[in-house]
Amino acid sequence: MTHIGFLVFPDMLQLDFTGAYGVLSAGPDVRTHLVWKNVAPIRTSDRLLITPDTTVADCPQLDVIVVPGGGGVVPLMNDATILSFLKGQAEKALWVTSVCTGALILGAAGLMDGFRATTHWLSHDLLPLFGAEPVRQRVVQDRNRMTGAGVTSGIDLALTLAGRLWGDSVAEQIQLNMEYAPEPPYNAGSPDTAPEATITAMRDRSTTRQQERRAAAVAAAERLRTM
């Protein structure tokens, strides 16, 4: 039995979570755990309700940890309960992973120091605050750490991880069952290909959130330095 734990939290981005969950929950002999401080429903940033089924206090030892991102990352970067939970689980977990800005939570828990990593392109510059080496790839593996870039990369990360856990054949079957063969109508899914006007508009829309995210990351990094 492979125990896979997904951290779920208020104001997370549901696709960060559900993309990876849809892949990994399809693996053989899997037990999934949706972990939060309590089991009351949480509301995601896109207003969906998701119900945790395990608390941090009752969660068994996990083989795989998956941490999504979203607006709720800001308070969690300095949340002692969640950071302690992740740090403790990571000591024996086979894989410690994140999707999107979930990498910043892992960083705040002291789990990214000395590792190559990726995250959403708007937050790449925050990774060095936690001692991580930013890599502009959709999925980055460094030893038992695996990080995904923005949002939909959670599917790619989970398929990569499925191959590591259960072999290429199983991962390919999961991909085929999902019919995951994206053909996006626009070539704007990366700052490397998106029109400059689109990138500028996205940066402008995200200014306040990025300022909040940076402030939280700086505070978390300072806390780690004084521990």
C-alpha atoms as a PDB file:
ATOM      1  CA  MET A   1       0.000   0.000   0.000  1.00  0.00           C
ATOM      2  CA  THR A   2       1.320   3.430  -0.997  1.00  0.00           C
ATOM      3  CA  HIS A   3       0.151   6.220   1.290  1.00  0.00           C
ATOM      4  CA  ILE A   4      -0.096   9.507  -0.599  1.00  0.00           C
ATOM      5  CA  GLY A   5      -0.937  12.652   1.341  1.00  0.00           C
ATOM      6  CA  PHE A   6      -2.219  15.843  -0.251  1.00  0.00           C
ATOM      7  CA  LEU A   7      -2.068  18.972   1.873  1.00  0.00           C
ATOM      8  CA  VAL A   8      -5.361  20.820   1.369  1.00  0.00           C
ATOM      9  CA  PHE A   9      -5.945  24.292   2.759  1.00  0.00           C
ATOM     10  CA  PRO A  10      -8.188  27.348   2.438  1.00  0.00           C
ATOM     11  CA  ASP A  11      -7.632  29.440  -0.691  1.00  0.00           C
ATOM     12  CA  MET A  12      -5.546  26.803  -2.422  1.00  0.00           C
ATOM     13  CA  LEU A  13      -5.861  26.504  -6.195  1.00  0.00           C
ATOM     14  CA  GLN A  14      -7.967  23.402  -6.754  1.00  0.00           C
ATOM     15  CA  LEU A  15      -6.360  22.413 -10.079  1.00  0.00           C
ATOM     16  CA  ASP A  16      -2.949  22.295  -8.401  1.00  0.00           C
ATOM     17  CA  PHE A  17      -4.472  19.587  -6.222  1.00  0.00           C
ATOM     18  CA  THR A  18      -6.955  17.837  -8.488  1.00  0.00           C
ATOM     19  CA  GLY A  19      -4.595  17.502 -11.450  1.00  0.00           C
ATOM     20  CA  ALA A  20      -2.085  15.529  -9.378  1.00  0.00           C
ATOM     21  CA  TYR A  21      -4.807  13.729  -7.438  1.00  0.00           C
ATOM     22  CA  GLY A  22      -6.495  12.475 -10.593  1.00  0.00           C
ATOM     23  CA  VAL A  23      -3.272  10.776 -11.663  1.00  0.00           C
ATOM     24  CA  LEU A  24      -1.945   9.423  -8.382  1.00  0.00           C
ATOM     25  CA  SER A  25      -5.259   8.161  -7.029  1.00  0.00           C
ATOM     26  CA  ALA A  26      -5.432   5.879 -10.094  1.00  0.00           C
ATOM     27  CA  GLY A  27      -2.283   3.986  -9.101  1.00  0.00           C
ATOM     28  CA  PRO A  28      -2.313   0.422  -7.774  1.00  0.00           C
ATOM     29  CA  ASP A  29      -2.748  -0.184  -4.037  1.00  0.00           C
ATOM     30  CA  VAL A  30      -3.008   3.512  -3.190  1.00  0.00           C
ATOM     31  CA  ARG A  31      -4.428   5.057  -0.058  1.00  0.00           C
ATOM     32  CA  THR A  32      -4.920   8.803  -0.370  1.00  0.00           C
ATOM     33  CA  HIS A  33      -5.119  11.242   2.526  1.00  0.00           C
ATOM     34  CA  LEU A  34      -6.444  14.794   2.271  1.00  0.00           C
ATOM     35  CA  VAL A  35      -4.677  16.466   5.156  1.00  0.00           C
ATOM     36  CA  TRP A  36      -5.484  19.650   7.024  1.00  0.00           C
ATOM     37  CA  LYS A  37      -5.695  20.865  10.625  1.00  0.00           C
ATOM     38  CA  ASN A  38      -9.273  19.638  10.921  1.00  0.00           C
ATOM     39  CA  VAL A  39     -11.807  17.844   8.736  1.00  0.00           C
ATOM     40  CA  ALA A  40     -14.183  20.745   8.130  1.00  0.00           C
ATOM     41  CA  PRO A  41     -14.677  21.575   4.421  1.00  0.00           C
ATOM     42  CA  ILE A  42     -12.258  24.143   3.042  1.00  0.00           C
ATOM     43  CA  ARG A  43     -13.025  26.554   0.213  1.00  0.00           C
ATOM     44  CA  THR A  44     -10.531  26.851  -2.610  1.00  0.00           C
ATOM     45  CA  SER A  45      -9.620  30.085  -4.355  1.00  0.00           C
ATOM     46  CA  ASP A  46     -12.068  29.187  -7.113  1.00  0.00           C
ATOM     47  CA  ARG A  47     -14.847  28.655  -4.541  1.00  0.00           C
ATOM     48  CA  LEU A  48     -15.022  24.862  -4.621  1.00  0.00           C
ATOM     49  CA  LEU A  49     -15.494  23.031  -1.328  1.00  0.00           C
ATOM     50  CA  ILE A  50     -13.103  20.191  -0.554  1.00  0.00           C
ATOM     51  CA  THR A  51     -13.381  18.077   2.577  1.00  0.00           C
ATOM     52  CA  PRO A  52     -10.193  16.903   4.304  1.00  0.00           C
ATOM     53  CA  ASP A  53     -10.330  13.351   5.624  1.00  0.00           C
ATOM     54  CA  THR A  54      -7.250  13.345   7.874  1.00  0.00           C
ATOM     55  CA  THR A  55      -5.829  15.824  10.351  1.00  0.00           C
ATOM     56  CA  VAL A  56      -2.141  16.609  10.729  1.00  0.00           C
ATOM     57  CA  ALA A  57      -2.355  15.048  14.185  1.00  0.00           C
ATOM     58  CA  ASP A  58      -3.841  11.758  12.950  1.00  0.00           C
ATOM     59  CA  CYS A  59      -2.115  11.393   9.595  1.00  0.00           C
ATOM     60  CA  PRO A  60      -0.087   8.180   9.231  1.00  0.00           C
ATOM     61  CA  GLN A  61       3.427   8.183   7.861  1.00  0.00           C
ATOM     62  CA  LEU A  62       3.192   9.103   4.194  1.00  0.00           C
ATOM     63  CA  ASP A  63       5.162   7.599   1.339  1.00  0.00           C
ATOM     64  CA  VAL A  64       4.425  10.615  -0.867  1.00  0.00           C
ATOM     65  CA  ILE A  65       3.691  14.206   0.136  1.00  0.00           C
ATOM     66  CA  VAL A  66       2.014  16.529  -2.380  1.00  0.00           C
ATOM     67  CA  VAL A  67       1.729  20.246  -1.585  1.00  0.00           C
ATOM     68  CA  PRO A  68      -0.334  22.433  -3.954  1.00  0.00           C
ATOM     69  CA  GLY A  69      -0.168  26.210  -4.218  1.00  0.00           C
ATOM     70  CA  GLY A  70      -2.506  29.164  -4.488  1.00  0.00           C
ATOM     71  CA  GLY A  71      -3.360  32.253  -2.466  1.00  0.00           C
ATOM     72  CA  GLY A  72      -3.414  30.274   0.786  1.00  0.00           C
ATOM     73  CA  VAL A  73       0.338  29.716   0.517  1.00  0.00           C
ATOM     74  CA  VAL A  74       0.984  33.139   2.070  1.00  0.00           C
ATOM     75  CA  PRO A  75      -0.168  32.346   5.632  1.00  0.00           C
ATOM     76  CA  LEU A  76       1.156  28.776   5.487  1.00  0.00           C
ATOM     77  CA  MET A  77       4.728  29.916   4.905  1.00  0.00           C
ATOM     78  CA  ASN A  78       4.751  30.967   8.559  1.00  0.00           C
ATOM     79  CA  ASP A  79       2.314  28.432  10.018  1.00  0.00           C
ATOM     80  CA  ALA A  80       4.215  26.444  12.657  1.00  0.00           C
ATOM     81  CA  THR A  81       1.711  23.559  12.741  1.00  0.00           C
ATOM     82  CA  ILE A  82       1.797  22.877   9.004  1.00  0.00           C
ATOM     83  CA  LEU A  83       5.541  23.431   8.624  1.00  0.00           C
ATOM     84  CA  SER A  84       6.285  21.083  11.520  1.00  0.00           C
ATOM     85  CA  PHE A  85       3.975  18.453  10.019  1.00  0.00           C
ATOM     86  CA  LEU A  86       5.706  18.615   6.629  1.00  0.00           C
ATOM     87  CA  LYS A  87       9.187  18.564   8.122  1.00  0.00           C
ATOM     88  CA  GLY A  88       8.348  15.548  10.267  1.00  0.00           C
ATOM     89  CA  GLN A  89       6.717  13.615   7.431  1.00  0.00           C
ATOM     90  CA  ALA A  90       9.584  14.384   5.064  1.00  0.00           C
ATOM     91  CA  GLU A  91      12.065  12.582   7.302  1.00  0.00           C
ATOM     92  CA  LYS A  92      10.737   9.172   6.203  1.00  0.00           C
ATOM     93  CA  ALA A  93       8.731   9.925   3.049  1.00  0.00           C
ATOM     94  CA  LEU A  94       9.932   8.407  -0.205  1.00  0.00           C
ATOM     95  CA  TRP A  95       8.937  11.505  -2.182  1.00  0.00           C
ATOM     96  CA  VAL A  96       8.375  15.120  -1.162  1.00  0.00           C
ATOM     97  CA  THR A  97       6.635  17.014  -3.953  1.00  0.00           C
ATOM     98  CA  SER A  98       4.883  20.263  -4.769  1.00  0.00           C
ATOM     99  CA  VAL A  99       2.834  21.845  -7.503  1.00  0.00           C
ATOM    100  CA  CYS A 100       3.063  25.528  -8.383  1.00  0.00           C
ATOM    101  CA  THR A 101       3.733  27.768  -5.365  1.00  0.00           C
ATOM    102  CA  GLY A 102       3.458  24.796  -3.033  1.00  0.00           C
ATOM    103  CA  ALA A 103       7.257  24.772  -3.415  1.00  0.00           C
ATOM    104  CA  LEU A 104       7.360  27.899  -1.250  1.00  0.00           C
ATOM    105  CA  ILE A 105       5.659  26.030   1.595  1.00  0.00           C
ATOM    106  CA  LEU A 106       8.239  23.258   1.315  1.00  0.00           C
ATOM    107  CA  GLY A 107      10.918  25.931   1.291  1.00  0.00           C
ATOM    108  CA  ALA A 108       9.502  27.559   4.403  1.00  0.00           C
ATOM    109  CA  ALA A 109       9.628  24.154   6.114  1.00  0.00           C
ATOM    110  CA  GLY A 110      13.345  23.992   5.355  1.00  0.00           C
ATOM    111  CA  LEU A 111      12.889  21.227   2.788  1.00  0.00           C
ATOM    112  CA  MET A 112      14.246  22.969  -0.325  1.00  0.00           C
ATOM    113  CA  ASP A 113      17.690  24.034   0.901  1.00  0.00           C
ATOM    114  CA  GLY A 114      20.301  22.759  -1.556  1.00  0.00           C
ATOM    115  CA  PHE A 115      17.764  21.318  -3.994  1.00  0.00           C
ATOM    116  CA  ARG A 116      17.044  22.205  -7.604  1.00  0.00           C
ATOM    117  CA  ALA A 117      13.395  23.207  -7.921  1.00  0.00           C
ATOM    118  CA  THR A 118      10.741  24.970  -9.921  1.00  0.00           C
ATOM    119  CA  THR A 119       7.507  26.786  -9.167  1.00  0.00           C
ATOM    120  CA  HIS A 120       5.069  29.141 -10.896  1.00  0.00           C
ATOM    121  CA  TRP A 121       7.012  31.518 -13.146  1.00  0.00           C
ATOM    122  CA  LEU A 122       5.865  34.590 -11.222  1.00  0.00           C
ATOM    123  CA  SER A 123       7.471  33.216  -8.035  1.00  0.00           C
ATOM    124  CA  HIS A 124      10.683  31.714  -9.407  1.00  0.00           C
ATOM    125  CA  ASP A 125      12.737  34.508  -7.893  1.00  0.00           C
ATOM    126  CA  LEU A 126      11.566  33.549  -4.392  1.00  0.00           C
ATOM    127  CA  LEU A 127      13.102  30.066  -4.439  1.00  0.00           C
ATOM    128  CA  PRO A 128      16.655  31.246  -3.597  1.00  0.00           C
ATOM    129  CA  LEU A 129      15.341  32.728  -0.352  1.00  0.00           C
ATOM    130  CA  PHE A 130      15.014  29.103   0.809  1.00  0.00           C
ATOM    131  CA  GLY A 131      18.346  27.937  -0.551  1.00  0.00           C
ATOM    132  CA  ALA A 132      16.837  26.321  -3.646  1.00  0.00           C
ATOM    133  CA  GLU A 133      18.315  26.552  -7.133  1.00  0.00           C
ATOM    134  CA  PRO A 134      15.582  27.721  -9.556  1.00  0.00           C
ATOM    135  CA  VAL A 135      15.278  25.664 -12.732  1.00  0.00           C
ATOM    136  CA  ARG A 136      13.033  26.691 -15.593  1.00  0.00           C
ATOM    137  CA  GLN A 137      11.486  23.292 -16.327  1.00  0.00           C
ATOM    138  CA  ARG A 138       7.957  21.992 -16.102  1.00  0.00           C
ATOM    139  CA  VAL A 139       8.970  19.224 -13.684  1.00  0.00           C
ATOM    140  CA  VAL A 140      12.218  19.146 -11.710  1.00  0.00           C
ATOM    141  CA  GLN A 141      13.491  16.137  -9.786  1.00  0.00           C
ATOM    142  CA  ASP A 142      16.419  16.378  -7.392  1.00  0.00           C
ATOM    143  CA  ARG A 143      16.933  13.255  -5.290  1.00  0.00           C
ATOM    144  CA  ASN A 144      13.583  12.614  -3.578  1.00  0.00           C
ATOM    145  CA  ARG A 145      12.249  16.105  -4.191  1.00  0.00           C
ATOM    146  CA  MET A 146      10.012  16.685  -7.198  1.00  0.00           C
ATOM    147  CA  THR A 147       8.520  20.092  -7.990  1.00  0.00           C
ATOM    148  CA  GLY A 148       6.147  21.223 -10.711  1.00  0.00           C
ATOM    149  CA  ALA A 149       5.843  24.630 -12.336  1.00  0.00           C
ATOM    150  CA  GLY A 150       2.453  26.345 -12.565  1.00  0.00           C
ATOM    151  CA  VAL A 151      -0.947  24.703 -11.989  1.00  0.00           C
ATOM    152  CA  THR A 152      -1.385  22.225 -14.871  1.00  0.00           C
ATOM    153  CA  SER A 153       2.160  20.956 -14.401  1.00  0.00           C
ATOM    154  CA  GLY A 154       0.705  18.959 -11.520  1.00  0.00           C
ATOM    155  CA  ILE A 155      -0.508  16.418 -14.082  1.00  0.00           C
ATOM    156  CA  ASP A 156       2.980  16.118 -15.592  1.00  0.00           C
ATOM    157  CA  LEU A 157       4.562  15.868 -12.167  1.00  0.00           C
ATOM    158  CA  ALA A 158       2.128  13.170 -11.060  1.00  0.00           C
ATOM    159  CA  LEU A 159       2.643  11.125 -14.242  1.00  0.00           C
ATOM    160  CA  THR A 160       6.411  11.385 -13.768  1.00  0.00           C
ATOM    161  CA  LEU A 161       6.021  10.309 -10.164  1.00  0.00           C
ATOM    162  CA  ALA A 162       3.697   7.449 -11.168  1.00  0.00           C
ATOM    163  CA  GLY A 163       6.444   6.153 -13.426  1.00  0.00           C
ATOM    164  CA  ARG A 164       8.934   6.263 -10.556  1.00  0.00           C
ATOM    165  CA  LEU A 165       6.534   4.519  -8.172  1.00  0.00           C
ATOM    166  CA  TRP A 166       4.922   1.879 -10.385  1.00  0.00           C
ATOM    167  CA  GLY A 167       6.836   1.797 -13.660  1.00  0.00           C
ATOM    168  CA  ASP A 168       6.386   3.340 -17.090  1.00  0.00           C
ATOM    169  CA  SER A 169       3.645   0.942 -18.198  1.00  0.00           C
ATOM    170  CA  VAL A 170       1.337   1.876 -15.320  1.00  0.00           C
ATOM    171  CA  ALA A 171       2.010   5.604 -15.818  1.00  0.00           C
ATOM    172  CA  GLU A 172       1.244   5.280 -19.536  1.00  0.00           C
ATOM    173  CA  GLN A 173      -2.014   3.487 -18.808  1.00  0.00           C
ATOM    174  CA  ILE A 174      -3.051   6.251 -16.428  1.00  0.00           C
ATOM    175  CA  GLN A 175      -2.202   8.853 -19.062  1.00  0.00           C
ATOM    176  CA  LEU A 176      -4.136   6.980 -21.734  1.00  0.00           C
ATOM    177  CA  ASN A 177      -7.154   6.546 -19.497  1.00  0.00           C
ATOM    178  CA  MET A 178      -7.138  10.314 -18.876  1.00  0.00           C
ATOM    179  CA  GLU A 179      -6.569  10.888 -22.611  1.00  0.00           C
ATOM    180  CA  TYR A 180      -3.979  13.427 -21.579  1.00  0.00           C
ATOM    181  CA  ALA A 181      -2.655  14.683 -24.907  1.00  0.00           C
ATOM    182  CA  PRO A 182      -3.015  18.475 -24.677  1.00  0.00           C
ATOM    183  CA  GLU A 183      -3.362  20.589 -27.795  1.00  0.00           C
ATOM    184  CA  PRO A 184      -3.960  24.098 -26.377  1.00  0.00           C
ATOM    185  CA  PRO A 185      -5.614  26.638 -28.668  1.00  0.00           C
ATOM    186  CA  TYR A 186      -3.022  29.291 -27.755  1.00  0.00           C
ATOM    187  CA  ASN A 187       0.738  29.230 -27.373  1.00  0.00           C
ATOM    188  CA  ALA A 188       0.619  31.392 -24.252  1.00  0.00           C
ATOM    189  CA  GLY A 189       1.150  28.776 -21.550  1.00  0.00           C
ATOM    190  CA  SER A 190       4.667  29.913 -20.684  1.00  0.00           C
ATOM    191  CA  PRO A 191       6.427  33.280 -20.418  1.00  0.00           C
ATOM    192  CA  ASP A 192       8.836  31.894 -23.011  1.00  0.00           C
ATOM    193  CA  THR A 193       6.089  31.796 -25.645  1.00  0.00           C
ATOM    194  CA  ALA A 194       3.331  34.161 -24.485  1.00  0.00           C
ATOM    195  CA  PRO A 195       3.014  37.594 -26.142  1.00  0.00           C
ATOM    196  CA  GLU A 196       4.771  40.340 -24.215  1.00  0.00           C
ATOM    197  CA  ALA A 197       1.492  42.205 -23.718  1.00  0.00           C
ATOM    198  CA  THR A 198      -0.011  39.110 -22.109  1.00  0.00           C
ATOM    199  CA  ILE A 199       2.947  38.734 -19.762  1.00  0.00           C
ATOM    200  CA  THR A 200       2.754  42.390 -18.765  1.00  0.00           C
ATOM    201  CA  ALA A 201      -0.977  42.173 -18.124  1.00  0.00           C
ATOM    202  CA  MET A 202      -0.473  39.080 -15.974  1.00  0.00           C
ATOM    203  CA  ARG A 203       2.270  40.743 -13.944  1.00  0.00           C
ATOM    204  CA  ASP A 204       0.094  43.812 -13.419  1.00  0.00           C
ATOM    205  CA  ARG A 205      -2.853  41.694 -12.258  1.00  0.00           C
ATOM    206  CA  SER A 206      -0.625  39.820  -9.823  1.00  0.00           C
ATOM    207  CA  THR A 207       1.277  42.744  -8.274  1.00  0.00           C
ATOM    208  CA  THR A 208      -0.488  42.815  -4.910  1.00  0.00           C
ATOM    209  CA  ARG A 209      -0.478  39.048  -4.513  1.00  0.00           C
ATOM    210  CA  GLN A 210       3.194  38.825  -5.399  1.00  0.00           C
ATOM    211  CA  GLN A 211       4.067  41.536  -2.904  1.00  0.00           C
ATOM    212  CA  GLU A 212       2.237  39.612  -0.178  1.00  0.00           C
ATOM    213  CA  ARG A 213       3.905  36.375  -1.250  1.00  0.00           C
ATOM    214  CA  ARG A 214       7.360  37.949  -1.213  1.00  0.00           C
ATOM    215  CA  ALA A 215       6.832  39.475   2.237  1.00  0.00           C
ATOM    216  CA  ALA A 216       5.756  36.104   3.630  1.00  0.00           C
ATOM    217  CA  ALA A 217       8.671  34.337   1.958  1.00  0.00           C
ATOM    218  CA  VAL A 218      11.189  36.851   3.303  1.00  0.00           C
ATOM    219  CA  ALA A 219       9.760  36.445   6.815  1.00  0.00           C
ATOM    220  CA  ALA A 220       9.895  32.641   6.527  1.00  0.00           C
ATOM    221  CA  ALA A 221      13.452  32.698   5.238  1.00  0.00           C
ATOM    222  CA  GLU A 222      14.538  34.985   8.097  1.00  0.00           C
ATOM    223  CA  ARG A 223      12.903  32.611  10.597  1.00  0.00           C
ATOM    224  CA  LEU A 224      14.821  29.667   9.119  1.00  0.00           C
ATOM    225  CA  ARG A 225      18.112  31.562   9.397  1.00  0.00           C
ATOM    226  CA  THR A 226      17.586  32.193  13.099  1.00  0.00           C
ATOM    227  CA  MET A 227      16.557  28.655  14.019  1.00  0.00           C
END
